[in-house]
C-alpha atoms as a PDB file:
ATOM      1  CA  MET A   1      48.677  55.909  73.801  1.00  0.00           C
ATOM      2  CA  THR A   2      48.149  55.627  70.210  1.00  0.00           C
ATOM      3  CA  PHE A   3      44.864  54.060  68.205  1.00  0.00           C
ATOM      4  CA  THR A   4      44.224  53.657  64.590  1.00  0.00           C
ATOM      5  CA  GLU A   5      40.631  54.092  63.529  1.00  0.00           C
ATOM      6  CA  TYR A   6      38.924  51.375  62.149  1.00  0.00           C
ATOM      7  CA  LYS A   7      35.709  51.141  60.009  1.00  0.00           C
ATOM      8  CA  PRO A   8      33.091  48.506  60.773  1.00  0.00           C
ATOM      9  CA  ALA A   9      33.080  47.347  57.516  1.00  0.00           C
ATOM     10  CA  ASP A  10      36.757  46.299  57.586  1.00  0.00           C
ATOM     11  CA  PHE A  11      36.032  43.510  60.406  1.00  0.00           C
ATOM     12  CA  SER A  12      34.252  40.625  60.084  1.00  0.00           C
ATOM     13  CA  LEU A  13      33.352  37.945  62.660  1.00  0.00           C
ATOM     14  CA  ALA A  14      33.153  35.371  60.015  1.00  0.00           C
ATOM     15  CA  PRO A  15      35.590  32.562  60.424  1.00  0.00           C
ATOM     16  CA  GLN A  16      38.922  32.670  58.571  1.00  0.00           C
ATOM     17  CA  ARG A  17      38.247  31.053  55.008  1.00  0.00           C
ATOM     18  CA  ASN A  18      40.437  28.722  53.258  1.00  0.00           C
ATOM     19  CA  PRO A  19      40.102  29.294  49.530  1.00  0.00           C
ATOM     20  CA  LEU A  20      41.225  25.783  48.601  1.00  0.00           C
ATOM     21  CA  GLY A  21      38.119  24.392  50.402  1.00  0.00           C
ATOM     22  CA  GLU A  22      35.777  26.331  48.247  1.00  0.00           C
ATOM     23  CA  ILE A  23      36.908  24.515  45.128  1.00  0.00           C
ATOM     24  CA  ARG A  24      34.192  22.082  43.819  1.00  0.00           C
ATOM     25  CA  TRP A  25      36.593  19.250  43.446  1.00  0.00           C
ATOM     26  CA  TRP A  26      34.038  16.380  43.569  1.00  0.00           C
ATOM     27  CA  LYS A  27      31.828  17.943  40.990  1.00  0.00           C
ATOM     28  CA  PHE A  28      34.982  18.486  38.708  1.00  0.00           C
ATOM     29  CA  LEU A  29      36.460  14.969  39.172  1.00  0.00           C
ATOM     30  CA  GLY A  30      32.574  13.455  38.563  1.00  0.00           C
ATOM     31  CA  GLY A  31      32.551  15.347  35.204  1.00  0.00           C
ATOM     32  CA  ALA A  32      30.248  17.973  35.721  1.00  0.00           C
ATOM     33  CA  ALA A  33      29.940  20.282  32.727  1.00  0.00           C
ATOM     34  CA  TYR A  34      30.243  23.693  34.125  1.00  0.00           C
ATOM     35  CA  THR A  35      32.798  23.142  36.987  1.00  0.00           C
ATOM     36  CA  ASN A  36      35.985  24.841  36.704  1.00  0.00           C
ATOM     37  CA  PRO A  37      38.476  24.676  39.614  1.00  0.00           C
ATOM     38  CA  LEU A  38      40.570  27.591  38.336  1.00  0.00           C
ATOM     39  CA  HIS A  39      37.359  29.461  38.231  1.00  0.00           C
ATOM     40  CA  ASP A  40      36.596  28.521  41.667  1.00  0.00           C
ATOM     41  CA  LEU A  41      39.883  29.361  43.086  1.00  0.00           C
ATOM     42  CA  LEU A  42      40.010  32.841  41.459  1.00  0.00           C
ATOM     43  CA  TYR A  43      36.316  33.619  42.622  1.00  0.00           C
ATOM     44  CA  ALA A  44      37.254  32.365  46.342  1.00  0.00           C
ATOM     45  CA  LEU A  45      40.307  34.557  46.402  1.00  0.00           C
ATOM     46  CA  SER A  46      38.611  37.550  45.261  1.00  0.00           C
ATOM     47  CA  ARG A  47      36.471  37.280  48.394  1.00  0.00           C
ATOM     48  CA  SER A  48      39.127  36.826  50.939  1.00  0.00           C
ATOM     49  CA  SER A  49      38.179  37.455  54.484  1.00  0.00           C
ATOM     50  CA  GLU A  50      41.203  39.263  55.425  1.00  0.00           C
ATOM     51  CA  PRO A  51      40.711  42.829  56.870  1.00  0.00           C
ATOM     52  CA  ARG A  52      41.406  45.387  54.636  1.00  0.00           C
ATOM     53  CA  PRO A  53      44.348  47.694  54.871  1.00  0.00           C
ATOM     54  CA  THR A  54      44.165  50.471  57.476  1.00  0.00           C
ATOM     55  CA  ARG A  55      45.393  53.281  55.146  1.00  0.00           C
ATOM     56  CA  ASP A  56      43.276  56.409  55.092  1.00  0.00           C
ATOM     57  CA  ARG A  57      42.392  56.005  58.647  1.00  0.00           C
ATOM     58  CA  ARG A  58      42.863  58.590  61.564  1.00  0.00           C
ATOM     59  CA  GLN A  59      44.984  57.967  64.484  1.00  0.00           C
ATOM     60  CA  LEU A  60      43.862  59.085  67.956  1.00  0.00           C
ATOM     61  CA  ARG A  61      46.570  59.728  70.563  1.00  0.00           C
ATOM     62  CA  PHE A  62      45.509  60.051  74.443  1.00  0.00           C
ATOM     63  CA  GLU A  63      48.133  62.333  75.777  1.00  0.00           C
ATOM     64  CA  ASP A  64      48.569  63.864  79.307  1.00  0.00           C
ATOM     65  CA  HIS A  65      46.587  67.033  78.675  1.00  0.00           C
ATOM     66  CA  GLY A  66      44.429  66.112  75.826  1.00  0.00           C
ATOM     67  CA  LEU A  67      43.566  64.322  72.805  1.00  0.00           C
ATOM     68  CA  ALA A  68      45.438  64.501  69.320  1.00  0.00           C
ATOM     69  CA  ILE A  69      43.728  63.460  66.284  1.00  0.00           C
ATOM     70  CA  VAL A  70      46.208  62.857  63.156  1.00  0.00           C
ATOM     71  CA  GLN A  71      44.193  63.053  59.979  1.00  0.00           C
ATOM     72  CA  ALA A  72      45.024  60.283  57.657  1.00  0.00           C
ATOM     73  CA  PRO A  73      46.435  61.315  54.100  1.00  0.00           C
ATOM     74  CA  PRO A  74      47.466  65.166  55.124  1.00  0.00           C
ATOM     75  CA  GLY A  75      49.094  64.128  58.305  1.00  0.00           C
ATOM     76  CA  GLU A  76      47.895  67.317  60.278  1.00  0.00           C
ATOM     77  CA  THR A  77      47.204  67.097  63.870  1.00  0.00           C
ATOM     78  CA  GLN A  78      44.123  68.313  65.706  1.00  0.00           C
ATOM     79  CA  THR A  79      44.772  68.713  69.449  1.00  0.00           C
ATOM     80  CA  TYR A  80      41.816  69.170  72.041  1.00  0.00           C
ATOM     81  CA  THR A  81      42.575  69.669  75.773  1.00  0.00           C
ATOM     82  CA  TYR A  82      40.234  67.761  78.190  1.00  0.00           C
ATOM     83  CA  ALA A  83      38.792  70.939  79.341  1.00  0.00           C
ATOM     84  CA  GLU A  84      37.785  71.842  75.886  1.00  0.00           C
ATOM     85  CA  LEU A  85      35.480  68.808  75.622  1.00  0.00           C
ATOM     86  CA  THR A  86      32.045  69.076  76.902  1.00  0.00           C
ATOM     87  CA  GLU A  87      31.213  65.548  76.495  1.00  0.00           C
ATOM     88  CA  LEU A  88      33.521  62.462  76.111  1.00  0.00           C
ATOM     89  CA  HIS A  89      31.864  59.080  75.851  1.00  0.00           C
ATOM     90  CA  LEU A  90      33.868  55.751  75.892  1.00  0.00           C
ATOM     91  CA  ASP A  91      31.765  52.849  74.900  1.00  0.00           C
ATOM     92  CA  TYR A  92      33.631  49.526  74.939  1.00  0.00           C
ATOM     93  CA  THR A  93      32.369  46.323  73.320  1.00  0.00           C
ATOM     94  CA  CYS A  94      33.934  42.851  73.555  1.00  0.00           C
ATOM     95  CA  PHE A  95      33.970  39.905  71.523  1.00  0.00           C
ATOM     96  CA  PRO A  96      35.441  37.126  73.560  1.00  0.00           C
ATOM     97  CA  ARG A  97      37.698  34.489  72.176  1.00  0.00           C
ATOM     98  CA  PRO A  98      36.099  31.225  71.105  1.00  0.00           C
ATOM     99  CA  ASP A  99      36.947  29.604  74.752  1.00  0.00           C
ATOM    100  CA  ASN A 100      35.023  32.578  76.454  1.00  0.00           C
ATOM    101  CA  HIS A 101      37.912  34.274  77.793  1.00  0.00           C
ATOM    102  CA  LEU A 102      37.358  38.142  77.709  1.00  0.00           C
ATOM    103  CA  ALA A 103      40.918  39.154  78.490  1.00  0.00           C
ATOM    104  CA  GLY A 104      41.972  37.887  75.222  1.00  0.00           C
ATOM    105  CA  GLY A 105      39.076  39.167  73.070  1.00  0.00           C
ATOM    106  CA  SER A 106      38.776  41.950  70.788  1.00  0.00           C
ATOM    107  CA  PHE A 107      37.815  45.242  72.334  1.00  0.00           C
ATOM    108  CA  PHE A 108      36.264  47.975  70.106  1.00  0.00           C
ATOM    109  CA  LEU A 109      35.840  51.583  71.580  1.00  0.00           C
ATOM    110  CA  ARG A 110      33.233  54.059  70.271  1.00  0.00           C
ATOM    111  CA  LEU A 111      34.655  57.401  71.226  1.00  0.00           C
ATOM    112  CA  SER A 112      32.151  60.328  70.941  1.00  0.00           C
ATOM    113  CA  LEU A 113      33.815  63.805  71.141  1.00  0.00           C
ATOM    114  CA  CYS A 114      31.716  66.908  71.484  1.00  0.00           C
ATOM    115  CA  GLY A 115      33.317  70.410  72.107  1.00  0.00           C
ATOM    116  CA  SER A 116      33.290  73.893  71.049  1.00  0.00           C
ATOM    117  CA  ASP A 117      34.829  73.003  67.512  1.00  0.00           C
ATOM    118  CA  ILE A 118      34.324  69.123  67.399  1.00  0.00           C
ATOM    119  CA  ASP A 119      31.554  66.911  67.159  1.00  0.00           C
ATOM    120  CA  THR A 120      32.490  63.250  66.046  1.00  0.00           C
ATOM    121  CA  THR A 121      32.524  59.818  66.630  1.00  0.00           C
ATOM    122  CA  ILE A 122      35.694  57.697  66.326  1.00  0.00           C
ATOM    123  CA  ASP A 123      35.665  53.617  66.096  1.00  0.00           C
ATOM    124  CA  LEU A 124      38.913  52.204  67.508  1.00  0.00           C
ATOM    125  CA  ARG A 125      40.176  48.567  68.093  1.00  0.00           C
ATOM    126  CA  SER A 126      42.093  47.788  71.174  1.00  0.00           C
ATOM    127  CA  THR A 127      42.892  45.176  73.683  1.00  0.00           C
ATOM    128  CA  HIS A 128      41.620  44.890  77.475  1.00  0.00           C
ATOM    129  CA  SER A 129      44.778  46.331  78.715  1.00  0.00           C
ATOM    130  CA  GLN A 130      44.881  49.282  76.485  1.00  0.00           C
ATOM    131  CA  CYS A 131      41.291  50.077  77.483  1.00  0.00           C
ATOM    132  CA  GLN A 132      42.285  49.764  81.256  1.00  0.00           C
ATOM    133  CA  GLN A 133      45.281  52.078  80.572  1.00  0.00           C
ATOM    134  CA  VAL A 134      43.085  54.872  78.846  1.00  0.00           C
ATOM    135  CA  ILE A 135      40.480  54.830  81.434  1.00  0.00           C
ATOM    136  CA  LYS A 136      43.051  55.029  84.238  1.00  0.00           C
ATOM    137  CA  LEU A 137      44.787  58.026  82.691  1.00  0.00           C
ATOM    138  CA  LEU A 138      41.486  59.952  82.185  1.00  0.00           C
ATOM    139  CA  TYR A 139      40.393  59.146  85.953  1.00  0.00           C
ATOM    140  CA  ALA A 140      44.085  60.130  87.241  1.00  0.00           C
ATOM    141  CA  ARG A 141      43.672  63.516  84.912  1.00  0.00           C
ATOM    142  CA  ARG A 142      40.238  63.952  86.494  1.00  0.00           C
ATOM    143  CA  VAL A 143      38.641  64.274  82.966  1.00  0.00           C
ATOM    144  CA  ARG A 144      34.984  64.327  82.879  1.00  0.00           C
ATOM    145  CA  PHE A 145      33.905  61.476  80.788  1.00  0.00           C
ATOM    146  CA  ARG A 146      31.287  58.531  80.814  1.00  0.00           C
ATOM    147  CA  GLU A 147      32.489  54.949  80.533  1.00  0.00           C
ATOM    148  CA  TYR A 148      30.225  52.360  79.095  1.00  0.00           C
ATOM    149  CA  TYR A 149      30.802  48.774  78.638  1.00  0.00           C
ATOM    150  CA  MET A 150      28.638  46.644  76.296  1.00  0.00           C
ATOM    151  CA  GLY A 151      25.990  49.548  76.555  1.00  0.00           C
ATOM    152  CA  SER A 152      25.891  49.663  80.524  1.00  0.00           C
ATOM    153  CA  ARG A 153      27.679  52.356  82.578  1.00  0.00           C
ATOM    154  CA  SER A 154      30.709  50.910  84.027  1.00  0.00           C
ATOM    155  CA  TYR A 155      33.977  51.706  86.055  1.00  0.00           C
ATOM    156  CA  LEU A 156      37.480  50.074  84.750  1.00  0.00           C
ATOM    157  CA  LEU A 157      35.277  48.027  82.307  1.00  0.00           C
ATOM    158  CA  GLU A 158      33.371  46.608  85.564  1.00  0.00           C
ATOM    159  CA  PRO A 159      29.566  47.067  84.607  1.00  0.00           C
ATOM    160  CA  ASN A 160      28.004  45.672  87.887  1.00  0.00           C
ATOM    161  CA  ILE A 161      29.092  48.434  90.507  1.00  0.00           C
ATOM    162  CA  PRO A 162      27.181  48.569  93.882  1.00  0.00           C
ATOM    163  CA  TYR A 163      25.545  51.754  95.093  1.00  0.00           C
ATOM    164  CA  GLN A 164      28.144  52.595  97.764  1.00  0.00           C
ATOM    165  CA  ARG A 165      30.969  52.169  95.495  1.00  0.00           C
ATOM    166  CA  VAL A 166      29.467  54.399  92.943  1.00  0.00           C
ATOM    167  CA  GLN A 167      29.150  57.091  95.695  1.00  0.00           C
ATOM    168  CA  GLN A 168      32.677  56.442  96.552  1.00  0.00           C
ATOM    169  CA  LEU A 169      33.814  56.718  92.890  1.00  0.00           C
ATOM    170  CA  LYS A 170      31.787  59.997  92.618  1.00  0.00           C
ATOM    171  CA  ALA A 171      33.627  61.417  95.587  1.00  0.00           C
ATOM    172  CA  ASP A 172      36.955  60.248  94.356  1.00  0.00           C
ATOM    173  CA  TYR A 173      36.936  61.429  90.954  1.00  0.00           C
ATOM    174  CA  GLY A 174      34.231  64.022  90.780  1.00  0.00           C
ATOM    175  CA  ILE A 175      32.256  62.314  88.294  1.00  0.00           C
ATOM    176  CA  GLU A 176      28.702  62.117  87.293  1.00  0.00           C
ATOM    177  CA  TRP A 177      27.074  58.778  87.315  1.00  0.00           C
END
């Protein structure tokens, strides 16, 4: 499963803008001296709310035996086995759709990696199903990692786990809570 890094500055929660709606037509038609519709349109177009292109971004691949980080411009790949990583933290944040349906919202992963020759944090954008696939892959491989959902410790994106279930998970997967 491959993810592309995103920079928080590339994403805005602002609603999609319509540049034609930002032209001050009534002032222009009313004869205001310093209103120019062409200037308003050019200014509105220069402030586009579209996300910036994703060039010069790293790619991260979750593979069966480790993580592969592909550097953007040179394209060189660094591979780390799961055993090499001393700390692996997945922190998920979700921004729901306007109808408050989480499954269709935007999920953001903050992946913190620490190991013998790596110490980095990578921000990724994904979907609910991609997040669950990654977590299931890591649990199936018995990788030692910590999963957080919106800042709370979780299991498969479920933050409210009863004590008995936590004990069962610790026994089944050998994880620390």
